[in-house]
Amino acid sequence: MEQQQAIYNTEKFQSSEQLWFWFLYSKSVRNGFIQNSMRGTRRVCELVDVETLITKLYLSGKLTNEQLQVMKEFGDKRRAPHQYIWRENRAADQWRRAMDVIQDAAKSRGWIE
C-alpha cells in the first residue's frame, strides 16, 4: 500500500510585522489563552522557527533588548507604535529598526514574499 502524504498549501507573510503578530497570536493560541480562528491557514514556518530566528538575531546583537521590549509591548497591543504620537515616537523608531532586521532575515529564509 502506498501511503498518502498530506499536501499543505503554505502561505508566506507579507511583512515582518505580519510575521511578528502571527507569532504572538499563535503562541497565545498554543498556550490556550484564546481560541484558534485560523485553523485552515498553514504558514511557511513554525513557531519554533520564528523563536529561534529572534533569539539568534538578539544573541548576534542585531536586535537590542529595547527593541525586544517594544516588540513585546506593542505586539501585545496588536499594533505598531505610531511615530506621530509623541510618547510613542522613540518606540516607533525602535520598532521600525527591529522590523527591518527581521524582514531581511525572514526574507532570506523564504518566509516573506
PDB file of N, CA and C in Angstrom:
ATOM      1  N   MET A   1       0.823  -1.188   0.000  1.00  0.00           N
ATOM      2  CA  MET A   1       0.000   0.000   0.000  1.00  0.00           C
ATOM      3  C   MET A   1       0.863   1.246   0.000  1.00  0.00           C
ATOM      4  N   GLU A   2       0.406   2.192  -0.745  1.00  0.00           N
ATOM      5  CA  GLU A   2       1.129   3.456  -0.834  1.00  0.00           C
ATOM      6  C   GLU A   2       0.554   4.436   0.190  1.00  0.00           C
ATOM      7  N   GLN A   3       1.443   5.016   0.979  1.00  0.00           N
ATOM      8  CA  GLN A   3       0.995   5.977   1.975  1.00  0.00           C
ATOM      9  C   GLN A   3       0.760   7.325   1.321  1.00  0.00           C
ATOM     10  N   GLN A   4      -0.330   7.938   1.676  1.00  0.00           N
ATOM     11  CA  GLN A   4      -0.605   9.271   1.162  1.00  0.00           C
ATOM     12  C   GLN A   4      -0.057  10.294   2.145  1.00  0.00           C
ATOM     13  N   GLN A   5       0.633  11.257   1.601  1.00  0.00           N
ATOM     14  CA  GLN A   5       1.142  12.339   2.424  1.00  0.00           C
ATOM     15  C   GLN A   5       0.245  13.544   2.252  1.00  0.00           C
ATOM     16  N   ALA A   6      -0.002  14.210   3.350  1.00  0.00           N
ATOM     17  CA  ALA A   6      -0.816  15.422   3.293  1.00  0.00           C
ATOM     18  C   ALA A   6      -0.022  16.523   2.597  1.00  0.00           C
ATOM     19  N   ILE A   7      -0.673  17.180   1.681  1.00  0.00           N
ATOM     20  CA  ILE A   7      -0.047  18.285   0.966  1.00  0.00           C
ATOM     21  C   ILE A   7      -0.706  19.563   1.460  1.00  0.00           C
ATOM     22  N   TYR A   8       0.113  20.422   1.981  1.00  0.00           N
ATOM     23  CA  TYR A   8      -0.394  21.684   2.506  1.00  0.00           C
ATOM     24  C   TYR A   8       0.040  22.823   1.601  1.00  0.00           C
ATOM     25  N   ASN A   9      -0.880  23.710   1.334  1.00  0.00           N
ATOM     26  CA  ASN A   9      -0.528  24.952   0.670  1.00  0.00           C
ATOM     27  C   ASN A   9      -0.073  25.908   1.751  1.00  0.00           C
ATOM     28  N   THR A  10       1.164  26.303   1.683  1.00  0.00           N
ATOM     29  CA  THR A  10       1.674  27.208   2.704  1.00  0.00           C
ATOM     30  C   THR A  10       1.561  28.642   2.232  1.00  0.00           C
ATOM     31  N   GLU A  11       1.387  29.513   3.172  1.00  0.00           N
ATOM     32  CA  GLU A  11       1.210  30.923   2.876  1.00  0.00           C
ATOM     33  C   GLU A  11       2.380  31.706   3.452  1.00  0.00           C
ATOM     34  N   LYS A  12       3.018  32.509   2.605  1.00  0.00           N
ATOM     35  CA  LYS A  12       4.103  33.362   3.070  1.00  0.00           C
ATOM     36  C   LYS A  12       3.517  34.617   3.720  1.00  0.00           C
ATOM     37  N   PHE A  13       4.339  35.269   4.491  1.00  0.00           N
ATOM     38  CA  PHE A  13       3.938  36.513   5.137  1.00  0.00           C
ATOM     39  C   PHE A  13       4.175  37.679   4.188  1.00  0.00           C
ATOM     40  N   GLN A  14       3.428  38.740   4.377  1.00  0.00           N
ATOM     41  CA  GLN A  14       3.578  39.944   3.558  1.00  0.00           C
ATOM     42  C   GLN A  14       4.650  40.871   4.107  1.00  0.00           C
ATOM     43  N   SER A  15       4.911  40.787   5.419  1.00  0.00           N
ATOM     44  CA  SER A  15       5.874  41.691   6.050  1.00  0.00           C
ATOM     45  C   SER A  15       6.367  41.094   7.361  1.00  0.00           C
ATOM     46  N   SER A  16       7.403  41.716   7.917  1.00  0.00           N
ATOM     47  CA  SER A  16       7.914  41.267   9.210  1.00  0.00           C
ATOM     48  C   SER A  16       6.893  41.566  10.310  1.00  0.00           C
ATOM     49  N   GLU A  17       6.122  42.618  10.169  1.00  0.00           N
ATOM     50  CA  GLU A  17       5.078  42.907  11.156  1.00  0.00           C
ATOM     51  C   GLU A  17       4.035  41.804  11.177  1.00  0.00           C
ATOM     52  N   GLN A  18       3.619  41.362  10.004  1.00  0.00           N
ATOM     53  CA  GLN A  18       2.639  40.286   9.935  1.00  0.00           C
ATOM     54  C   GLN A  18       3.207  39.015  10.566  1.00  0.00           C
ATOM     55  N   LEU A  19       4.466  38.727  10.290  1.00  0.00           N
ATOM     56  CA  LEU A  19       5.140  37.569  10.886  1.00  0.00           C
ATOM     57  C   LEU A  19       5.150  37.683  12.402  1.00  0.00           C
ATOM     58  N   TRP A  20       5.511  38.844  12.940  1.00  0.00           N
ATOM     59  CA  TRP A  20       5.593  39.038  14.389  1.00  0.00           C
ATOM     60  C   TRP A  20       4.217  38.906  15.046  1.00  0.00           C
ATOM     61  N   PHE A  21       3.200  39.542  14.467  1.00  0.00           N
ATOM     62  CA  PHE A  21       1.864  39.452  15.050  1.00  0.00           C
ATOM     63  C   PHE A  21       1.325  38.021  14.979  1.00  0.00           C
ATOM     64  N   TRP A  22       1.599  37.316  13.886  1.00  0.00           N
ATOM     65  CA  TRP A  22       1.193  35.914  13.772  1.00  0.00           C
ATOM     66  C   TRP A  22       1.877  35.083  14.856  1.00  0.00           C
ATOM     67  N   PHE A  23       3.156  35.311  15.061  1.00  0.00           N
ATOM     68  CA  PHE A  23       3.919  34.578  16.064  1.00  0.00           C
ATOM     69  C   PHE A  23       3.309  34.762  17.452  1.00  0.00           C
ATOM     70  N   LEU A  24       3.063  36.005  17.845  1.00  0.00           N
ATOM     71  CA  LEU A  24       2.490  36.258  19.174  1.00  0.00           C
ATOM     72  C   LEU A  24       1.090  35.673  19.301  1.00  0.00           C
ATOM     73  N   TYR A  25       0.284  35.842  18.267  1.00  0.00           N
ATOM     74  CA  TYR A  25      -1.075  35.292  18.281  1.00  0.00           C
ATOM     75  C   TYR A  25      -1.043  33.770  18.397  1.00  0.00           C
ATOM     76  N   SER A  26      -0.196  33.137  17.609  1.00  0.00           N
ATOM     77  CA  SER A  26      -0.117  31.679  17.607  1.00  0.00           C
ATOM     78  C   SER A  26       0.391  31.133  18.942  1.00  0.00           C
ATOM     79  N   LYS A  27       1.323  31.861  19.561  1.00  0.00           N
ATOM     80  CA  LYS A  27       1.789  31.448  20.887  1.00  0.00           C
ATOM     81  C   LYS A  27       0.651  31.527  21.899  1.00  0.00           C
ATOM     82  N   SER A  28      -0.197  32.533  21.790  1.00  0.00           N
ATOM     83  CA  SER A  28      -1.353  32.655  22.680  1.00  0.00           C
ATOM     84  C   SER A  28      -2.312  31.492  22.480  1.00  0.00           C
ATOM     85  N   VAL A  29      -2.523  31.136  21.223  1.00  0.00           N
ATOM     86  CA  VAL A  29      -3.397  30.011  20.909  1.00  0.00           C
ATOM     87  C   VAL A  29      -2.816  28.723  21.486  1.00  0.00           C
ATOM     88  N   ARG A  30      -1.535  28.519  21.261  1.00  0.00           N
ATOM     89  CA  ARG A  30      -0.870  27.307  21.741  1.00  0.00           C
ATOM     90  C   ARG A  30      -0.936  27.203  23.260  1.00  0.00           C
ATOM     91  N   ASN A  31      -0.821  28.348  23.927  1.00  0.00           N
ATOM     92  CA  ASN A  31      -0.860  28.358  25.385  1.00  0.00           C
ATOM     93  C   ASN A  31      -2.280  28.321  25.930  1.00  0.00           C
ATOM     94  N   GLY A  32      -3.269  28.296  25.042  1.00  0.00           N
ATOM     95  CA  GLY A  32      -4.650  28.152  25.454  1.00  0.00           C
ATOM     96  C   GLY A  32      -5.322  29.426  25.928  1.00  0.00           C
ATOM     97  N   PHE A  33      -4.710  30.580  25.663  1.00  0.00           N
ATOM     98  CA  PHE A  33      -5.295  31.826  26.123  1.00  0.00           C
ATOM     99  C   PHE A  33      -6.479  32.261  25.269  1.00  0.00           C
ATOM    100  N   ILE A  34      -6.423  31.975  23.983  1.00  0.00           N
ATOM    101  CA  ILE A  34      -7.524  32.348  23.102  1.00  0.00           C
ATOM    102  C   ILE A  34      -7.791  31.208  22.132  1.00  0.00           C
ATOM    103  N   GLN A  35      -8.958  31.219  21.555  1.00  0.00           N
ATOM    104  CA  GLN A  35      -9.330  30.156  20.622  1.00  0.00           C
ATOM    105  C   GLN A  35      -8.734  30.415  19.248  1.00  0.00           C
ATOM    106  N   ASN A  36      -8.365  29.358  18.569  1.00  0.00           N
ATOM    107  CA  ASN A  36      -7.765  29.465  17.244  1.00  0.00           C
ATOM    108  C   ASN A  36      -8.842  29.691  16.194  1.00  0.00           C
ATOM    109  N   SER A  37      -8.748  30.817  15.497  1.00  0.00           N
ATOM    110  CA  SER A  37      -9.703  31.096  14.424  1.00  0.00           C
ATOM    111  C   SER A  37      -9.052  30.971  13.052  1.00  0.00           C
ATOM    112  N   MET A  38      -7.770  30.549  13.005  1.00  0.00           N
ATOM    113  CA  MET A  38      -7.052  30.448  11.739  1.00  0.00           C
ATOM    114  C   MET A  38      -6.659  29.001  11.451  1.00  0.00           C
ATOM    115  N   ARG A  39      -7.530  28.084  11.689  1.00  0.00           N
ATOM    116  CA  ARG A  39      -7.180  26.658  11.563  1.00  0.00           C
ATOM    117  C   ARG A  39      -6.816  26.236  10.156  1.00  0.00           C
ATOM    118  N   GLY A  40      -7.384  26.856   9.141  1.00  0.00           N
ATOM    119  CA  GLY A  40      -7.129  26.428   7.779  1.00  0.00           C
ATOM    120  C   GLY A  40      -5.848  26.973   7.172  1.00  0.00           C
ATOM    121  N   THR A  41      -5.221  27.933   7.812  1.00  0.00           N
ATOM    122  CA  THR A  41      -4.033  28.570   7.266  1.00  0.00           C
ATOM    123  C   THR A  41      -2.776  27.878   7.765  1.00  0.00           C
ATOM    124  N   ARG A  42      -1.932  27.473   6.851  1.00  0.00           N
ATOM    125  CA  ARG A  42      -0.655  26.866   7.214  1.00  0.00           C
ATOM    126  C   ARG A  42       0.440  27.795   6.728  1.00  0.00           C
ATOM    127  N   ARG A  43       1.338  28.149   7.611  1.00  0.00           N
ATOM    128  CA  ARG A  43       2.412  29.078   7.283  1.00  0.00           C
ATOM    129  C   ARG A  43       3.672  28.334   6.872  1.00  0.00           C
ATOM    130  N   VAL A  44       4.603  29.089   6.290  1.00  0.00           N
ATOM    131  CA  VAL A  44       5.838  28.510   5.763  1.00  0.00           C
ATOM    132  C   VAL A  44       6.836  28.173   6.855  1.00  0.00           C
ATOM    133  N   CYS A  45       6.556  28.582   8.080  1.00  0.00           N
ATOM    134  CA  CYS A  45       7.457  28.284   9.185  1.00  0.00           C
ATOM    135  C   CYS A  45       6.627  27.914  10.409  1.00  0.00           C
ATOM    136  N   GLU A  46       7.297  27.390  11.387  1.00  0.00           N
ATOM    137  CA  GLU A  46       6.651  27.006  12.643  1.00  0.00           C
ATOM    138  C   GLU A  46       7.005  28.024  13.721  1.00  0.00           C
ATOM    139  N   LEU A  47       6.286  27.982  14.819  1.00  0.00           N
ATOM    140  CA  LEU A  47       6.564  28.893  15.932  1.00  0.00           C
ATOM    141  C   LEU A  47       8.006  28.799  16.399  1.00  0.00           C
ATOM    142  N   VAL A  48       8.503  27.593  16.514  1.00  0.00           N
ATOM    143  CA  VAL A  48       9.879  27.406  16.988  1.00  0.00           C
ATOM    144  C   VAL A  48      10.888  28.023  16.020  1.00  0.00           C
ATOM    145  N   ASP A  49      10.569  28.033  14.736  1.00  0.00           N
ATOM    146  CA  ASP A  49      11.462  28.658  13.748  1.00  0.00           C
ATOM    147  C   ASP A  49      11.571  30.167  13.997  1.00  0.00           C
ATOM    148  N   VAL A  50      10.445  30.802  14.256  1.00  0.00           N
ATOM    149  CA  VAL A  50      10.441  32.247  14.495  1.00  0.00           C
ATOM    150  C   VAL A  50      11.146  32.546  15.816  1.00  0.00           C
ATOM    151  N   GLU A  51      10.858  31.746  16.831  1.00  0.00           N
ATOM    152  CA  GLU A  51      11.503  31.936  18.130  1.00  0.00           C
ATOM    153  C   GLU A  51      13.022  31.796  18.007  1.00  0.00           C
ATOM    154  N   THR A  52      13.462  30.814  17.247  1.00  0.00           N
ATOM    155  CA  THR A  52      14.895  30.608  17.021  1.00  0.00           C
ATOM    156  C   THR A  52      15.503  31.782  16.267  1.00  0.00           C
ATOM    157  N   LEU A  53      14.806  32.266  15.255  1.00  0.00           N
ATOM    158  CA  LEU A  53      15.293  33.410  14.479  1.00  0.00           C
ATOM    159  C   LEU A  53      15.458  34.642  15.366  1.00  0.00           C
ATOM    160  N   ILE A  54      14.452  34.955  16.155  1.00  0.00           N
ATOM    161  CA  ILE A  54      14.508  36.128  17.035  1.00  0.00           C
ATOM    162  C   ILE A  54      15.645  35.972  18.044  1.00  0.00           C
ATOM    163  N   THR A  55      15.793  34.787  18.595  1.00  0.00           N
ATOM    164  CA  THR A  55      16.869  34.529  19.558  1.00  0.00           C
ATOM    165  C   THR A  55      18.236  34.722  18.916  1.00  0.00           C
ATOM    166  N   LYS A  56      18.426  34.184  17.716  1.00  0.00           N
ATOM    167  CA  LYS A  56      19.710  34.337  17.018  1.00  0.00           C
ATOM    168  C   LYS A  56      20.011  35.797  16.699  1.00  0.00           C
ATOM    169  N   LEU A  57      18.990  36.529  16.278  1.00  0.00           N
ATOM    170  CA  LEU A  57      19.184  37.945  15.976  1.00  0.00           C
ATOM    171  C   LEU A  57      19.554  38.726  17.239  1.00  0.00           C
ATOM    172  N   TYR A  58      18.959  38.373  18.356  1.00  0.00           N
ATOM    173  CA  TYR A  58      19.278  39.037  19.622  1.00  0.00           C
ATOM    174  C   TYR A  58      20.691  38.677  20.084  1.00  0.00           C
ATOM    175  N   LEU A  59      21.022  37.398  20.066  1.00  0.00           N
ATOM    176  CA  LEU A  59      22.332  36.958  20.537  1.00  0.00           C
ATOM    177  C   LEU A  59      23.468  37.471  19.656  1.00  0.00           C
ATOM    178  N   SER A  60      23.175  37.710  18.380  1.00  0.00           N
ATOM    179  CA  SER A  60      24.201  38.239  17.477  1.00  0.00           C
ATOM    180  C   SER A  60      24.312  39.764  17.558  1.00  0.00           C
ATOM    181  N   GLY A  61      23.445  40.378  18.357  1.00  0.00           N
ATOM    182  CA  GLY A  61      23.493  41.830  18.519  1.00  0.00           C
ATOM    183  C   GLY A  61      22.723  42.605  17.469  1.00  0.00           C
ATOM    184  N   LYS A  62      21.998  41.917  16.614  1.00  0.00           N
ATOM    185  CA  LYS A  62      21.236  42.606  15.567  1.00  0.00           C
ATOM    186  C   LYS A  62      19.925  43.173  16.101  1.00  0.00           C
ATOM    187  N   LEU A  63      19.404  42.570  17.165  1.00  0.00           N
ATOM    188  CA  LEU A  63      18.244  43.107  17.868  1.00  0.00           C
ATOM    189  C   LEU A  63      18.676  43.458  19.283  1.00  0.00           C
ATOM    190  N   THR A  64      18.229  44.604  19.773  1.00  0.00           N
ATOM    191  CA  THR A  64      18.597  45.030  21.119  1.00  0.00           C
ATOM    192  C   THR A  64      17.506  44.656  22.118  1.00  0.00           C
ATOM    193  N   ASN A  65      17.860  44.732  23.383  1.00  0.00           N
ATOM    194  CA  ASN A  65      16.898  44.468  24.444  1.00  0.00           C
ATOM    195  C   ASN A  65      15.736  45.467  24.371  1.00  0.00           C
ATOM    196  N   GLU A  66      16.040  46.731  24.093  1.00  0.00           N
ATOM    197  CA  GLU A  66      14.993  47.749  23.967  1.00  0.00           C
ATOM    198  C   GLU A  66      14.043  47.417  22.812  1.00  0.00           C
ATOM    199  N   GLN A  67      14.597  46.966  21.694  1.00  0.00           N
ATOM    200  CA  GLN A  67      13.753  46.595  20.560  1.00  0.00           C
ATOM    201  C   GLN A  67      12.840  45.420  20.918  1.00  0.00           C
ATOM    202  N   LEU A  68      13.374  44.433  21.615  1.00  0.00           N
ATOM    203  CA  LEU A  68      12.551  43.291  22.022  1.00  0.00           C
ATOM    204  C   LEU A  68      11.435  43.725  22.960  1.00  0.00           C
ATOM    205  N   GLN A  69      11.736  44.647  23.861  1.00  0.00           N
ATOM    206  CA  GLN A  69      10.709  45.148  24.776  1.00  0.00           C
ATOM    207  C   GLN A  69       9.600  45.870  24.016  1.00  0.00           C
ATOM    208  N   VAL A  70       9.984  46.681  23.047  1.00  0.00           N
ATOM    209  CA  VAL A  70       8.997  47.395  22.232  1.00  0.00           C
ATOM    210  C   VAL A  70       8.172  46.397  21.420  1.00  0.00           C
ATOM    211  N   MET A  71       8.834  45.401  20.842  1.00  0.00           N
ATOM    212  CA  MET A  71       8.134  44.388  20.051  1.00  0.00           C
ATOM    213  C   MET A  71       7.105  43.651  20.904  1.00  0.00           C
ATOM    214  N   LYS A  72       7.467  43.323  22.117  1.00  0.00           N
ATOM    215  CA  LYS A  72       6.548  42.612  23.020  1.00  0.00           C
ATOM    216  C   LYS A  72       5.401  43.525  23.453  1.00  0.00           C
ATOM    217  N   GLU A  73       5.746  44.745  23.879  1.00  0.00           N
ATOM    218  CA  GLU A  73       4.714  45.678  24.360  1.00  0.00           C
ATOM    219  C   GLU A  73       3.654  45.953  23.291  1.00  0.00           C
ATOM    220  N   PHE A  74       4.110  46.309  22.090  1.00  0.00           N
ATOM    221  CA  PHE A  74       3.149  46.651  21.047  1.00  0.00           C
ATOM    222  C   PHE A  74       2.587  45.418  20.353  1.00  0.00           C
ATOM    223  N   GLY A  75       3.309  44.317  20.411  1.00  0.00           N
ATOM    224  CA  GLY A  75       2.747  43.067  19.916  1.00  0.00           C
ATOM    225  C   GLY A  75       1.550  42.647  20.748  1.00  0.00           C
ATOM    226  N   ASP A  76       1.646  42.839  22.059  1.00  0.00           N
ATOM    227  CA  ASP A  76       0.519  42.530  22.940  1.00  0.00           C
ATOM    228  C   ASP A  76      -0.666  43.458  22.682  1.00  0.00           C
ATOM    229  N   LYS A  77      -0.379  44.672  22.236  1.00  0.00           N
ATOM    230  CA  LYS A  77      -1.447  45.628  21.892  1.00  0.00           C
ATOM    231  C   LYS A  77      -1.993  45.364  20.492  1.00  0.00           C
ATOM    232  N   ARG A  78      -1.317  44.490  19.769  1.00  0.00           N
ATOM    233  CA  ARG A  78      -1.682  44.124  18.389  1.00  0.00           C
ATOM    234  C   ARG A  78      -1.652  45.321  17.437  1.00  0.00           C
ATOM    235  N   ARG A  79      -0.641  46.155  17.635  1.00  0.00           N
ATOM    236  CA  ARG A  79      -0.453  47.284  16.739  1.00  0.00           C
ATOM    237  C   ARG A  79       0.989  47.763  16.852  1.00  0.00           C
ATOM    238  N   ALA A  80       1.425  48.442  15.827  1.00  0.00           N
ATOM    239  CA  ALA A  80       2.761  49.044  15.843  1.00  0.00           C
ATOM    240  C   ALA A  80       2.681  50.396  16.534  1.00  0.00           C
ATOM    241  N   PRO A  81       3.775  50.826  17.155  1.00  0.00           N
ATOM    242  CA  PRO A  81       3.778  52.174  17.725  1.00  0.00           C
ATOM    243  C   PRO A  81       3.692  53.207  16.608  1.00  0.00           C
ATOM    244  N   HIS A  82       3.097  54.332  16.917  1.00  0.00           N
ATOM    245  CA  HIS A  82       2.873  55.360  15.899  1.00  0.00           C
ATOM    246  C   HIS A  82       3.897  56.479  16.050  1.00  0.00           C
ATOM    247  N   GLN A  83       4.592  56.781  14.970  1.00  0.00           N
ATOM    248  CA  GLN A  83       5.655  57.786  15.023  1.00  0.00           C
ATOM    249  C   GLN A  83       5.144  59.195  15.292  1.00  0.00           C
ATOM    250  N   TYR A  84       3.877  59.467  15.027  1.00  0.00           N
ATOM    251  CA  TYR A  84       3.341  60.809  15.218  1.00  0.00           C
ATOM    252  C   TYR A  84       2.685  61.010  16.587  1.00  0.00           C
ATOM    253  N   ILE A  85       2.676  59.978  17.404  1.00  0.00           N
ATOM    254  CA  ILE A  85       2.242  60.125  18.787  1.00  0.00           C
ATOM    255  C   ILE A  85       3.512  60.362  19.596  1.00  0.00           C
ATOM    256  N   TRP A  86       3.600  61.513  20.218  1.00  0.00           N
ATOM    257  CA  TRP A  86       4.838  61.947  20.866  1.00  0.00           C
ATOM    258  C   TRP A  86       5.413  60.893  21.800  1.00  0.00           C
ATOM    259  N   ARG A  87       4.600  60.327  22.683  1.00  0.00           N
ATOM    260  CA  ARG A  87       5.127  59.372  23.659  1.00  0.00           C
ATOM    261  C   ARG A  87       5.508  58.024  23.027  1.00  0.00           C
ATOM    262  N   GLU A  88       5.109  57.793  21.769  1.00  0.00           N
ATOM    263  CA  GLU A  88       5.457  56.548  21.077  1.00  0.00           C
ATOM    264  C   GLU A  88       6.543  56.747  20.029  1.00  0.00           C
ATOM    265  N   ASN A  89       7.044  57.965  19.908  1.00  0.00           N
ATOM    266  CA  ASN A  89       7.990  58.279  18.844  1.00  0.00           C
ATOM    267  C   ASN A  89       9.250  57.426  18.914  1.00  0.00           C
ATOM    268  N   ARG A  90       9.873  57.333  20.076  1.00  0.00           N
ATOM    269  CA  ARG A  90      11.088  56.524  20.223  1.00  0.00           C
ATOM    270  C   ARG A  90      10.790  55.042  19.994  1.00  0.00           C
ATOM    271  N   ALA A  91       9.668  54.577  20.526  1.00  0.00           N
ATOM    272  CA  ALA A  91       9.275  53.179  20.329  1.00  0.00           C
ATOM    273  C   ALA A  91       9.060  52.885  18.845  1.00  0.00           C
ATOM    274  N   ALA A  92       8.480  53.839  18.112  1.00  0.00           N
ATOM    275  CA  ALA A  92       8.245  53.649  16.680  1.00  0.00           C
ATOM    276  C   ALA A  92       9.567  53.495  15.931  1.00  0.00           C
ATOM    277  N   ASP A  93      10.569  54.256  16.330  1.00  0.00           N
ATOM    278  CA  ASP A  93      11.886  54.142  15.701  1.00  0.00           C
ATOM    279  C   ASP A  93      12.511  52.775  15.998  1.00  0.00           C
ATOM    280  N   GLN A  94      12.429  52.346  17.246  1.00  0.00           N
ATOM    281  CA  GLN A  94      12.974  51.033  17.622  1.00  0.00           C
ATOM    282  C   GLN A  94      12.220  49.904  16.915  1.00  0.00           C
ATOM    283  N   TRP A  95      10.902  50.048  16.820  1.00  0.00           N
ATOM    284  CA  TRP A  95      10.064  49.063  16.131  1.00  0.00           C
ATOM    285  C   TRP A  95      10.488  48.949  14.661  1.00  0.00           C
ATOM    286  N   ARG A  96      10.618  50.087  13.996  1.00  0.00           N
ATOM    287  CA  ARG A  96      10.978  50.091  12.573  1.00  0.00           C
ATOM    288  C   ARG A  96      12.332  49.421  12.352  1.00  0.00           C
ATOM    289  N   ARG A  97      13.303  49.765  13.196  1.00  0.00           N
ATOM    290  CA  ARG A  97      14.638  49.157  13.065  1.00  0.00           C
ATOM    291  C   ARG A  97      14.581  47.648  13.281  1.00  0.00           C
ATOM    292  N   ALA A  98      13.839  47.208  14.283  1.00  0.00           N
ATOM    293  CA  ALA A  98      13.705  45.779  14.561  1.00  0.00           C
ATOM    294  C   ALA A  98      13.005  45.057  13.411  1.00  0.00           C
ATOM    295  N   MET A  99      11.943  45.651  12.885  1.00  0.00           N
ATOM    296  CA  MET A  99      11.207  45.021  11.785  1.00  0.00           C
ATOM    297  C   MET A  99      12.068  44.932  10.526  1.00  0.00           C
ATOM    298  N   ASP A 100      12.945  45.927  10.309  1.00  0.00           N
ATOM    299  CA  ASP A 100      13.861  45.874   9.161  1.00  0.00           C
ATOM    300  C   ASP A 100      14.827  44.689   9.296  1.00  0.00           C
ATOM    301  N   VAL A 101      15.349  44.485  10.496  1.00  0.00           N
ATOM    302  CA  VAL A 101      16.270  43.366  10.751  1.00  0.00           C
ATOM    303  C   VAL A 101      15.552  42.036  10.532  1.00  0.00           C
ATOM    304  N   ILE A 102      14.357  41.919  11.095  1.00  0.00           N
ATOM    305  CA  ILE A 102      13.586  40.676  10.963  1.00  0.00           C
ATOM    306  C   ILE A 102      13.192  40.455   9.506  1.00  0.00           C
ATOM    307  N   GLN A 103      12.814  41.520   8.815  1.00  0.00           N
ATOM    308  CA  GLN A 103      12.425  41.424   7.394  1.00  0.00           C
ATOM    309  C   GLN A 103      13.553  40.802   6.568  1.00  0.00           C
ATOM    310  N   ASP A 104      14.759  41.319   6.739  1.00  0.00           N
ATOM    311  CA  ASP A 104      15.900  40.797   5.983  1.00  0.00           C
ATOM    312  C   ASP A 104      16.152  39.326   6.291  1.00  0.00           C
ATOM    313  N   ALA A 105      16.132  38.981   7.564  1.00  0.00           N
ATOM    314  CA  ALA A 105      16.407  37.598   7.967  1.00  0.00           C
ATOM    315  C   ALA A 105      15.302  36.645   7.505  1.00  0.00           C
ATOM    316  N   ALA A 106      14.059  37.065   7.622  1.00  0.00           N
ATOM    317  CA  ALA A 106      12.939  36.204   7.223  1.00  0.00           C
ATOM    318  C   ALA A 106      12.851  36.064   5.708  1.00  0.00           C
ATOM    319  N   LYS A 107      13.177  37.118   4.991  1.00  0.00           N
ATOM    320  CA  LYS A 107      13.184  37.044   3.521  1.00  0.00           C
ATOM    321  C   LYS A 107      14.239  36.036   3.043  1.00  0.00           C
ATOM    322  N   SER A 108      15.391  36.058   3.688  1.00  0.00           N
ATOM    323  CA  SER A 108      16.453  35.131   3.276  1.00  0.00           C
ATOM    324  C   SER A 108      16.067  33.680   3.527  1.00  0.00           C
ATOM    325  N   ARG A 109      15.130  33.452   4.426  1.00  0.00           N
ATOM    326  CA  ARG A 109      14.628  32.103   4.704  1.00  0.00           C
ATOM    327  C   ARG A 109      13.408  31.749   3.869  1.00  0.00           C
ATOM    328  N   GLY A 110      12.931  32.710   3.094  1.00  0.00           N
ATOM    329  CA  GLY A 110      11.779  32.453   2.222  1.00  0.00           C
ATOM    330  C   GLY A 110      10.443  32.540   2.925  1.00  0.00           C
ATOM    331  N   TRP A 111      10.389  33.207   4.076  1.00  0.00           N
ATOM    332  CA  TRP A 111       9.133  33.313   4.835  1.00  0.00           C
ATOM    333  C   TRP A 111       8.308  34.509   4.413  1.00  0.00           C
ATOM    334  N   ILE A 112       8.954  35.507   3.810  1.00  0.00           N
ATOM    335  CA  ILE A 112       8.267  36.732   3.418  1.00  0.00           C
ATOM    336  C   ILE A 112       8.401  36.896   1.914  1.00  0.00           C
ATOM    337  N   GLU A 113       7.294  37.291   1.288  1.00  0.00           N
ATOM    338  CA  GLU A 113       7.283  37.479  -0.177  1.00  0.00           C
ATOM    339  C   GLU A 113       8.150  38.648  -0.575  1.00  0.00           C
TER     340      GLU A 113
END
